[in-house]
Amino acid sequence: MKASIFFIFMAILISTAVSEDLLKPGETRTYTAQYTVKDTDICSDIVNNATVNATGPCSSNVSSTATRVVTTSYEADILFDKVSNKSGEEVDAGDIIKYTYYVENTGDVNLTIVSLVDDMITPVQHISGDENQDLLLNPGEVWTYEGFYEVVEDDLCFDIENTAKLKATDLCNRPIERKDSEVVETTCIGRICCQDRTNLERIESGNQKAIGFQNGKAENNVKIVTNQMGGRLKTLNR
């Protein structure tokens, strides 16, 4: 954050050490000063004190002090977006899902201690951003991360949903947290997926299709399912 403050001082007396001219009775002189606001100033109001010193008749010293308070404000905000390269597709065991994470500072102050974790992917790696290498997420700056996940058999019973959490800290040590989830659909070709993640085999006989357990044993709470269309099948409880 860069800003400038102009202070105006109305001086009644001025020291002859500053100017050889005398400040006559009733005369007013105006002075200006400029201060550039630093990042470390924004966490509280800026209090400025100015003192004028002068020498009066008979070498007597006089002084006067004035105080001005400038209120500070800032906006710390962050945009977090997560996408996958398998959006709109169905993945099978062995497929690799690539996730890309975008982090943008949409506020007007630097952010620090940026961390990103995903509940299914370790590690999530930072791949671009921070071109000035100051380790701060500057206003308007975008950092990009990547993570990869390999689909396993146990994933195929449900769509794959994972959540990433982003944390950062503004310069006043106030935390900022965001999260985003991504859903990737899975294929269940040749099997039926039960709530307990048991995979069942599809049995075909002529134009009839039925579902049976892999070990060939029957279960009372599962009906035989027939499907002429060959679509995705799910268990039906009695």
C-alpha atoms as a PDB file:
ATOM      1  CA  MET A   1       0.000   0.000   0.000  1.00  0.00           C
ATOM      2  CA  LYS A   2       1.433   3.365  -1.022  1.00  0.00           C
ATOM      3  CA  ALA A   3      -0.171   6.600   0.102  1.00  0.00           C
ATOM      4  CA  SER A   4       0.997  10.061   1.042  1.00  0.00           C
ATOM      5  CA  ILE A   5      -0.196  12.355   3.787  1.00  0.00           C
ATOM      6  CA  PHE A   6       0.295  16.103   3.694  1.00  0.00           C
ATOM      7  CA  PHE A   7       0.550  17.868   7.036  1.00  0.00           C
ATOM      8  CA  ILE A   8       0.075  21.667   7.262  1.00  0.00           C
ATOM      9  CA  PHE A   9       1.457  23.515  10.234  1.00  0.00           C
ATOM     10  CA  MET A  10       0.338  27.015  11.205  1.00  0.00           C
ATOM     11  CA  ALA A  11       3.266  28.563  12.980  1.00  0.00           C
ATOM     12  CA  ILE A  12       2.845  31.560  15.252  1.00  0.00           C
ATOM     13  CA  LEU A  13       6.507  31.712  16.168  1.00  0.00           C
ATOM     14  CA  ILE A  14       9.560  30.398  14.369  1.00  0.00           C
ATOM     15  CA  SER A  15      13.078  30.075  15.656  1.00  0.00           C
ATOM     16  CA  THR A  16      15.661  32.423  14.210  1.00  0.00           C
ATOM     17  CA  ALA A  17      17.850  29.336  13.881  1.00  0.00           C
ATOM     18  CA  VAL A  18      15.576  28.254  11.018  1.00  0.00           C
ATOM     19  CA  SER A  19      15.211  31.657   9.423  1.00  0.00           C
ATOM     20  CA  GLU A  20      16.935  34.951   9.904  1.00  0.00           C
ATOM     21  CA  ASP A  21      13.612  36.684   9.344  1.00  0.00           C
ATOM     22  CA  LEU A  22      11.510  37.661  12.300  1.00  0.00           C
ATOM     23  CA  LEU A  23       7.965  36.422  12.710  1.00  0.00           C
ATOM     24  CA  LYS A  24       6.161  39.620  13.440  1.00  0.00           C
ATOM     25  CA  PRO A  25       3.201  39.853  15.832  1.00  0.00           C
ATOM     26  CA  GLY A  26       0.024  38.637  14.107  1.00  0.00           C
ATOM     27  CA  GLU A  27       1.940  37.113  11.196  1.00  0.00           C
ATOM     28  CA  THR A  28       1.224  33.537  10.076  1.00  0.00           C
ATOM     29  CA  ARG A  29       3.518  31.188   8.196  1.00  0.00           C
ATOM     30  CA  THR A  30       2.482  27.873   6.619  1.00  0.00           C
ATOM     31  CA  TYR A  31       4.689  24.799   6.274  1.00  0.00           C
ATOM     32  CA  THR A  32       3.978  21.458   4.600  1.00  0.00           C
ATOM     33  CA  ALA A  33       5.399  17.988   5.057  1.00  0.00           C
ATOM     34  CA  GLN A  34       4.768  14.722   3.252  1.00  0.00           C
ATOM     35  CA  TYR A  35       4.812  11.186   4.689  1.00  0.00           C
ATOM     36  CA  THR A  36       4.545   7.958   2.672  1.00  0.00           C
ATOM     37  CA  VAL A  37       2.484   5.331   4.453  1.00  0.00           C
ATOM     38  CA  LYS A  38       4.310   2.029   4.953  1.00  0.00           C
ATOM     39  CA  ASP A  39       2.820  -1.451   5.194  1.00  0.00           C
ATOM     40  CA  THR A  40       3.631  -1.501   8.876  1.00  0.00           C
ATOM     41  CA  ASP A  41       1.486   1.615   9.471  1.00  0.00           C
ATOM     42  CA  ILE A  42      -1.877   0.196   8.385  1.00  0.00           C
ATOM     43  CA  CYS A  43      -2.704  -1.808  11.498  1.00  0.00           C
ATOM     44  CA  SER A  44      -3.552   1.295  13.538  1.00  0.00           C
ATOM     45  CA  ASP A  45      -4.281   4.970  13.059  1.00  0.00           C
ATOM     46  CA  ILE A  46      -1.309   7.174  12.231  1.00  0.00           C
ATOM     47  CA  VAL A  47      -0.610   9.682  14.996  1.00  0.00           C
ATOM     48  CA  ASN A  48       1.628  12.604  14.026  1.00  0.00           C
ATOM     49  CA  ASN A  49       3.047  15.195  16.397  1.00  0.00           C
ATOM     50  CA  ALA A  50       4.673  18.421  15.233  1.00  0.00           C
ATOM     51  CA  THR A  51       6.479  20.899  17.463  1.00  0.00           C
ATOM     52  CA  VAL A  52       7.574  24.459  16.648  1.00  0.00           C
ATOM     53  CA  ASN A  53      10.291  26.159  18.674  1.00  0.00           C
ATOM     54  CA  ALA A  54      11.281  29.800  18.620  1.00  0.00           C
ATOM     55  CA  THR A  55      13.221  32.379  20.565  1.00  0.00           C
ATOM     56  CA  GLY A  56      11.415  35.407  21.892  1.00  0.00           C
ATOM     57  CA  PRO A  57      12.601  38.711  23.311  1.00  0.00           C
ATOM     58  CA  CYS A  58      15.398  38.554  25.847  1.00  0.00           C
ATOM     59  CA  SER A  59      16.401  35.132  24.477  1.00  0.00           C
ATOM     60  CA  SER A  60      13.346  33.409  25.984  1.00  0.00           C
ATOM     61  CA  ASN A  61      12.405  30.077  24.392  1.00  0.00           C
ATOM     62  CA  VAL A  62       8.839  29.283  23.375  1.00  0.00           C
ATOM     63  CA  SER A  63       7.330  26.193  21.753  1.00  0.00           C
ATOM     64  CA  SER A  64       4.013  24.755  20.688  1.00  0.00           C
ATOM     65  CA  THR A  65       2.921  21.198  19.721  1.00  0.00           C
ATOM     66  CA  ALA A  66       0.046  20.047  17.524  1.00  0.00           C
ATOM     67  CA  THR A  67      -1.209  16.484  16.941  1.00  0.00           C
ATOM     68  CA  ARG A  68      -3.106  15.067  14.023  1.00  0.00           C
ATOM     69  CA  VAL A  69      -4.560  11.540  13.713  1.00  0.00           C
ATOM     70  CA  VAL A  70      -5.093   9.939  10.306  1.00  0.00           C
ATOM     71  CA  THR A  71      -7.389   6.917  10.179  1.00  0.00           C
ATOM     72  CA  THR A  72      -6.083   3.939   8.211  1.00  0.00           C
ATOM     73  CA  SER A  73      -8.057   1.332   6.315  1.00  0.00           C
ATOM     74  CA  TYR A  74      -7.209  -1.568   4.054  1.00  0.00           C
ATOM     75  CA  GLU A  75      -8.850  -4.510   2.299  1.00  0.00           C
ATOM     76  CA  ALA A  76      -7.317  -7.963   2.508  1.00  0.00           C
ATOM     77  CA  ASP A  77      -8.985 -10.410   0.128  1.00  0.00           C
ATOM     78  CA  ILE A  78      -8.037 -13.473  -1.858  1.00  0.00           C
ATOM     79  CA  LEU A  79      -9.545 -15.455  -4.746  1.00  0.00           C
ATOM     80  CA  PHE A  80      -9.103 -19.232  -4.728  1.00  0.00           C
ATOM     81  CA  ASP A  81     -10.099 -21.522  -7.593  1.00  0.00           C
ATOM     82  CA  LYS A  82      -9.422 -25.223  -8.158  1.00  0.00           C
ATOM     83  CA  VAL A  83      -9.990 -27.109 -11.432  1.00  0.00           C
ATOM     84  CA  SER A  84      -9.209 -30.567 -12.800  1.00  0.00           C
ATOM     85  CA  ASN A  85      -8.247 -31.757 -16.275  1.00  0.00           C
ATOM     86  CA  LYS A  86     -10.911 -34.499 -16.048  1.00  0.00           C
ATOM     87  CA  SER A  87     -13.912 -32.234 -15.630  1.00  0.00           C
ATOM     88  CA  GLY A  88     -16.887 -33.663 -17.543  1.00  0.00           C
ATOM     89  CA  GLU A  89     -15.206 -37.050 -17.998  1.00  0.00           C
ATOM     90  CA  GLU A  90     -15.450 -40.397 -16.233  1.00  0.00           C
ATOM     91  CA  VAL A  91     -12.188 -41.744 -14.860  1.00  0.00           C
ATOM     92  CA  ASP A  92     -11.197 -45.369 -14.322  1.00  0.00           C
ATOM     93  CA  ALA A  93      -8.613 -47.056 -12.119  1.00  0.00           C
ATOM     94  CA  GLY A  94      -5.106 -46.040 -13.146  1.00  0.00           C
ATOM     95  CA  ASP A  95      -6.122 -42.685 -14.588  1.00  0.00           C
ATOM     96  CA  ILE A  96      -4.210 -39.623 -13.390  1.00  0.00           C
ATOM     97  CA  ILE A  97      -6.193 -36.538 -12.387  1.00  0.00           C
ATOM     98  CA  LYS A  98      -4.314 -33.267 -12.587  1.00  0.00           C
ATOM     99  CA  TYR A  99      -5.577 -30.487 -10.328  1.00  0.00           C
ATOM    100  CA  THR A 100      -4.601 -26.864 -10.854  1.00  0.00           C
ATOM    101  CA  TYR A 101      -5.059 -24.276  -8.119  1.00  0.00           C
ATOM    102  CA  TYR A 102      -5.152 -20.521  -8.725  1.00  0.00           C
ATOM    103  CA  VAL A 103      -4.544 -18.047  -5.897  1.00  0.00           C
ATOM    104  CA  GLU A 104      -4.984 -14.326  -6.570  1.00  0.00           C
ATOM    105  CA  ASN A 105      -4.561 -11.407  -4.192  1.00  0.00           C
ATOM    106  CA  THR A 106      -7.652  -9.283  -4.886  1.00  0.00           C
ATOM    107  CA  GLY A 107      -7.061  -6.917  -1.975  1.00  0.00           C
ATOM    108  CA  ASP A 108      -4.799  -3.883  -1.592  1.00  0.00           C
ATOM    109  CA  VAL A 109      -2.185  -5.203   0.862  1.00  0.00           C
ATOM    110  CA  ASN A 110       0.485  -7.874   0.722  1.00  0.00           C
ATOM    111  CA  LEU A 111      -0.332 -11.317   2.096  1.00  0.00           C
ATOM    112  CA  THR A 112       2.145 -13.664   3.685  1.00  0.00           C
ATOM    113  CA  ILE A 113       2.416 -17.212   5.092  1.00  0.00           C
ATOM    114  CA  VAL A 114       0.454 -18.613   2.148  1.00  0.00           C
ATOM    115  CA  SER A 115      -0.229 -22.355   2.503  1.00  0.00           C
ATOM    116  CA  LEU A 116      -2.346 -24.754   0.466  1.00  0.00           C
ATOM    117  CA  VAL A 117      -3.323 -28.314   1.422  1.00  0.00           C
ATOM    118  CA  ASP A 118      -5.580 -30.858  -0.298  1.00  0.00           C
ATOM    119  CA  ASP A 119      -7.272 -33.651   1.641  1.00  0.00           C
ATOM    120  CA  MET A 120      -6.328 -36.248  -1.016  1.00  0.00           C
ATOM    121  CA  ILE A 121      -3.111 -34.931  -2.554  1.00  0.00           C
ATOM    122  CA  THR A 122       0.354 -34.608  -1.039  1.00  0.00           C
ATOM    123  CA  PRO A 123       2.212 -32.572  -1.963  1.00  0.00           C
ATOM    124  CA  VAL A 124       0.532 -29.681  -3.716  1.00  0.00           C
ATOM    125  CA  GLN A 125       3.381 -27.856  -5.448  1.00  0.00           C
ATOM    126  CA  HIS A 126       3.805 -24.169  -6.220  1.00  0.00           C
ATOM    127  CA  ILE A 127       4.720 -23.862  -9.910  1.00  0.00           C
ATOM    128  CA  SER A 128       4.471 -20.162 -10.807  1.00  0.00           C
ATOM    129  CA  GLY A 129       3.980 -16.689  -9.387  1.00  0.00           C
ATOM    130  CA  ASP A 130       6.036 -14.515  -7.037  1.00  0.00           C
ATOM    131  CA  GLU A 131       8.161 -13.258  -9.922  1.00  0.00           C
ATOM    132  CA  ASN A 132       9.814 -10.654  -7.692  1.00  0.00           C
ATOM    133  CA  GLN A 133      10.711 -13.420  -5.205  1.00  0.00           C
ATOM    134  CA  ASP A 134       9.733 -11.387  -2.166  1.00  0.00           C
ATOM    135  CA  LEU A 135       7.746 -14.348  -0.734  1.00  0.00           C
ATOM    136  CA  LEU A 136       4.701 -12.073  -0.488  1.00  0.00           C
ATOM    137  CA  LEU A 137       1.459 -12.472  -2.398  1.00  0.00           C
ATOM    138  CA  ASN A 138       1.304  -8.913  -3.698  1.00  0.00           C
ATOM    139  CA  PRO A 139      -1.947  -7.169  -4.714  1.00  0.00           C
ATOM    140  CA  GLY A 140      -2.955  -8.392  -8.173  1.00  0.00           C
ATOM    141  CA  GLU A 141      -0.414 -11.205  -8.121  1.00  0.00           C
ATOM    142  CA  VAL A 142      -1.492 -14.754  -9.084  1.00  0.00           C
ATOM    143  CA  TRP A 143       0.201 -17.890  -7.768  1.00  0.00           C
ATOM    144  CA  THR A 144      -0.430 -21.264  -9.422  1.00  0.00           C
ATOM    145  CA  TYR A 145      -0.164 -24.700  -7.814  1.00  0.00           C
ATOM    146  CA  GLU A 146      -0.492 -28.269  -9.138  1.00  0.00           C
ATOM    147  CA  GLY A 147      -1.317 -31.650  -7.674  1.00  0.00           C
ATOM    148  CA  PHE A 148      -1.821 -35.137  -9.138  1.00  0.00           C
ATOM    149  CA  TYR A 149      -3.988 -38.038  -8.012  1.00  0.00           C
ATOM    150  CA  GLU A 150      -4.008 -41.605  -9.373  1.00  0.00           C
ATOM    151  CA  VAL A 151      -7.426 -43.249  -9.360  1.00  0.00           C
ATOM    152  CA  VAL A 152      -7.586 -46.629  -7.565  1.00  0.00           C
ATOM    153  CA  GLU A 153     -10.203 -49.392  -7.621  1.00  0.00           C
ATOM    154  CA  ASP A 154     -11.764 -48.266  -4.348  1.00  0.00           C
ATOM    155  CA  ASP A 155     -12.509 -44.860  -5.871  1.00  0.00           C
ATOM    156  CA  LEU A 156     -14.821 -46.285  -8.509  1.00  0.00           C
ATOM    157  CA  CYS A 157     -17.797 -46.830  -6.242  1.00  0.00           C
ATOM    158  CA  PHE A 158     -18.353 -43.099  -5.859  1.00  0.00           C
ATOM    159  CA  ASP A 159     -17.481 -39.881  -7.624  1.00  0.00           C
ATOM    160  CA  ILE A 160     -14.141 -38.509  -6.458  1.00  0.00           C
ATOM    161  CA  GLU A 161     -14.573 -35.337  -4.433  1.00  0.00           C
ATOM    162  CA  ASN A 162     -11.675 -33.657  -2.720  1.00  0.00           C
ATOM    163  CA  THR A 163     -11.326 -30.312  -0.987  1.00  0.00           C
ATOM    164  CA  ALA A 164      -8.379 -27.939  -0.910  1.00  0.00           C
ATOM    165  CA  LYS A 165      -7.894 -25.346   1.825  1.00  0.00           C
ATOM    166  CA  LEU A 166      -5.966 -22.120   1.413  1.00  0.00           C
ATOM    167  CA  LYS A 167      -4.614 -20.059   4.287  1.00  0.00           C
ATOM    168  CA  ALA A 168      -2.835 -16.720   4.302  1.00  0.00           C
ATOM    169  CA  THR A 169      -2.093 -13.909   6.736  1.00  0.00           C
ATOM    170  CA  ASP A 170      -2.345 -10.176   6.189  1.00  0.00           C
ATOM    171  CA  LEU A 171       0.242  -7.744   7.507  1.00  0.00           C
ATOM    172  CA  CYS A 172      -1.741  -7.223  10.701  1.00  0.00           C
ATOM    173  CA  ASN A 173      -1.605 -10.979  11.441  1.00  0.00           C
ATOM    174  CA  ARG A 174      -5.265 -11.465  10.625  1.00  0.00           C
ATOM    175  CA  PRO A 175      -5.909 -14.882   9.004  1.00  0.00           C
ATOM    176  CA  ILE A 176      -7.658 -15.367   5.673  1.00  0.00           C
ATOM    177  CA  GLU A 177      -9.032 -18.806   4.779  1.00  0.00           C
ATOM    178  CA  ARG A 178     -10.671 -20.129   1.618  1.00  0.00           C
ATOM    179  CA  LYS A 179     -11.595 -23.604   0.377  1.00  0.00           C
ATOM    180  CA  ASP A 180     -12.738 -25.125  -2.892  1.00  0.00           C
ATOM    181  CA  SER A 181     -13.876 -28.620  -3.893  1.00  0.00           C
ATOM    182  CA  GLU A 182     -13.780 -30.458  -7.195  1.00  0.00           C
ATOM    183  CA  VAL A 183     -15.871 -33.483  -8.221  1.00  0.00           C
ATOM    184  CA  VAL A 184     -14.688 -35.977 -10.848  1.00  0.00           C
ATOM    185  CA  GLU A 185     -17.069 -38.698 -11.986  1.00  0.00           C
ATOM    186  CA  THR A 186     -15.917 -42.319 -12.053  1.00  0.00           C
ATOM    187  CA  THR A 187     -16.826 -45.188 -14.338  1.00  0.00           C
ATOM    188  CA  CYS A 188     -18.300 -48.388 -12.957  1.00  0.00           C
ATOM    189  CA  ILE A 189     -18.083 -50.533 -16.087  1.00  0.00           C
ATOM    190  CA  GLY A 190     -18.470 -54.254 -15.390  1.00  0.00           C
ATOM    191  CA  ARG A 191     -19.264 -53.900 -11.698  1.00  0.00           C
ATOM    192  CA  ILE A 192     -21.862 -52.623  -9.290  1.00  0.00           C
ATOM    193  CA  CYS A 193     -20.889 -50.425  -6.385  1.00  0.00           C
ATOM    194  CA  CYS A 194     -22.410 -50.999  -2.981  1.00  0.00           C
ATOM    195  CA  GLN A 195     -22.508 -48.603  -0.084  1.00  0.00           C
ATOM    196  CA  ASP A 196     -19.795 -50.632   1.654  1.00  0.00           C
ATOM    197  CA  ARG A 197     -17.617 -50.280  -1.484  1.00  0.00           C
ATOM    198  CA  THR A 198     -17.959 -53.978  -2.392  1.00  0.00           C
ATOM    199  CA  ASN A 199     -17.521 -54.466  -6.132  1.00  0.00           C
ATOM    200  CA  LEU A 200     -19.942 -56.916  -7.721  1.00  0.00           C
ATOM    201  CA  GLU A 201     -19.485 -58.677 -11.031  1.00  0.00           C
ATOM    202  CA  ARG A 202     -21.926 -58.356 -13.920  1.00  0.00           C
ATOM    203  CA  ILE A 203     -23.073 -61.731 -15.242  1.00  0.00           C
ATOM    204  CA  GLU A 204     -24.371 -62.004 -18.788  1.00  0.00           C
ATOM    205  CA  SER A 205     -26.419 -64.863 -20.216  1.00  0.00           C
ATOM    206  CA  GLY A 206     -27.817 -64.200 -23.677  1.00  0.00           C
ATOM    207  CA  ASN A 207     -29.716 -60.956 -23.535  1.00  0.00           C
ATOM    208  CA  GLN A 208     -30.106 -61.133 -19.755  1.00  0.00           C
ATOM    209  CA  LYS A 209     -27.747 -59.233 -17.487  1.00  0.00           C
ATOM    210  CA  ALA A 210     -27.622 -59.869 -13.756  1.00  0.00           C
ATOM    211  CA  ILE A 211     -25.429 -58.923 -10.834  1.00  0.00           C
ATOM    212  CA  GLY A 212     -23.695 -61.339  -8.492  1.00  0.00           C
ATOM    213  CA  PHE A 213     -21.008 -61.177  -5.819  1.00  0.00           C
ATOM    214  CA  GLN A 214     -17.471 -61.996  -6.839  1.00  0.00           C
ATOM    215  CA  ASN A 215     -17.320 -64.955  -4.431  1.00  0.00           C
ATOM    216  CA  GLY A 216     -20.601 -66.328  -5.790  1.00  0.00           C
ATOM    217  CA  LYS A 217     -22.393 -66.101  -2.462  1.00  0.00           C
ATOM    218  CA  ALA A 218     -25.866 -64.636  -2.200  1.00  0.00           C
ATOM    219  CA  GLU A 219     -26.885 -61.951   0.237  1.00  0.00           C
ATOM    220  CA  ASN A 220     -30.438 -61.465   1.539  1.00  0.00           C
ATOM    221  CA  ASN A 221     -30.378 -57.684   1.375  1.00  0.00           C
ATOM    222  CA  VAL A 222     -29.461 -57.466  -2.314  1.00  0.00           C
ATOM    223  CA  LYS A 223     -31.794 -58.150  -5.192  1.00  0.00           C
ATOM    224  CA  ILE A 224     -30.785 -59.402  -8.607  1.00  0.00           C
ATOM    225  CA  VAL A 225     -30.697 -56.446 -10.946  1.00  0.00           C
ATOM    226  CA  THR A 226     -31.419 -56.723 -14.657  1.00  0.00           C
ATOM    227  CA  ASN A 227     -30.680 -54.077 -17.199  1.00  0.00           C
ATOM    228  CA  GLN A 228     -31.274 -54.314 -20.920  1.00  0.00           C
ATOM    229  CA  MET A 229     -29.546 -50.998 -21.618  1.00  0.00           C
ATOM    230  CA  GLY A 230     -26.130 -51.842 -20.190  1.00  0.00           C
ATOM    231  CA  GLY A 231     -25.869 -48.601 -18.187  1.00  0.00           C
ATOM    232  CA  ARG A 232     -24.320 -47.984 -14.781  1.00  0.00           C
ATOM    233  CA  LEU A 233     -25.926 -50.296 -12.187  1.00  0.00           C
ATOM    234  CA  LYS A 234     -26.346 -49.787  -8.479  1.00  0.00           C
ATOM    235  CA  THR A 235     -27.582 -52.046  -5.698  1.00  0.00           C
ATOM    236  CA  LEU A 236     -31.246 -52.149  -4.771  1.00  0.00           C
ATOM    237  CA  ASN A 237     -32.021 -52.905  -1.127  1.00  0.00           C
ATOM    238  CA  ARG A 238     -35.266 -54.632  -0.192  1.00  0.00           C
END
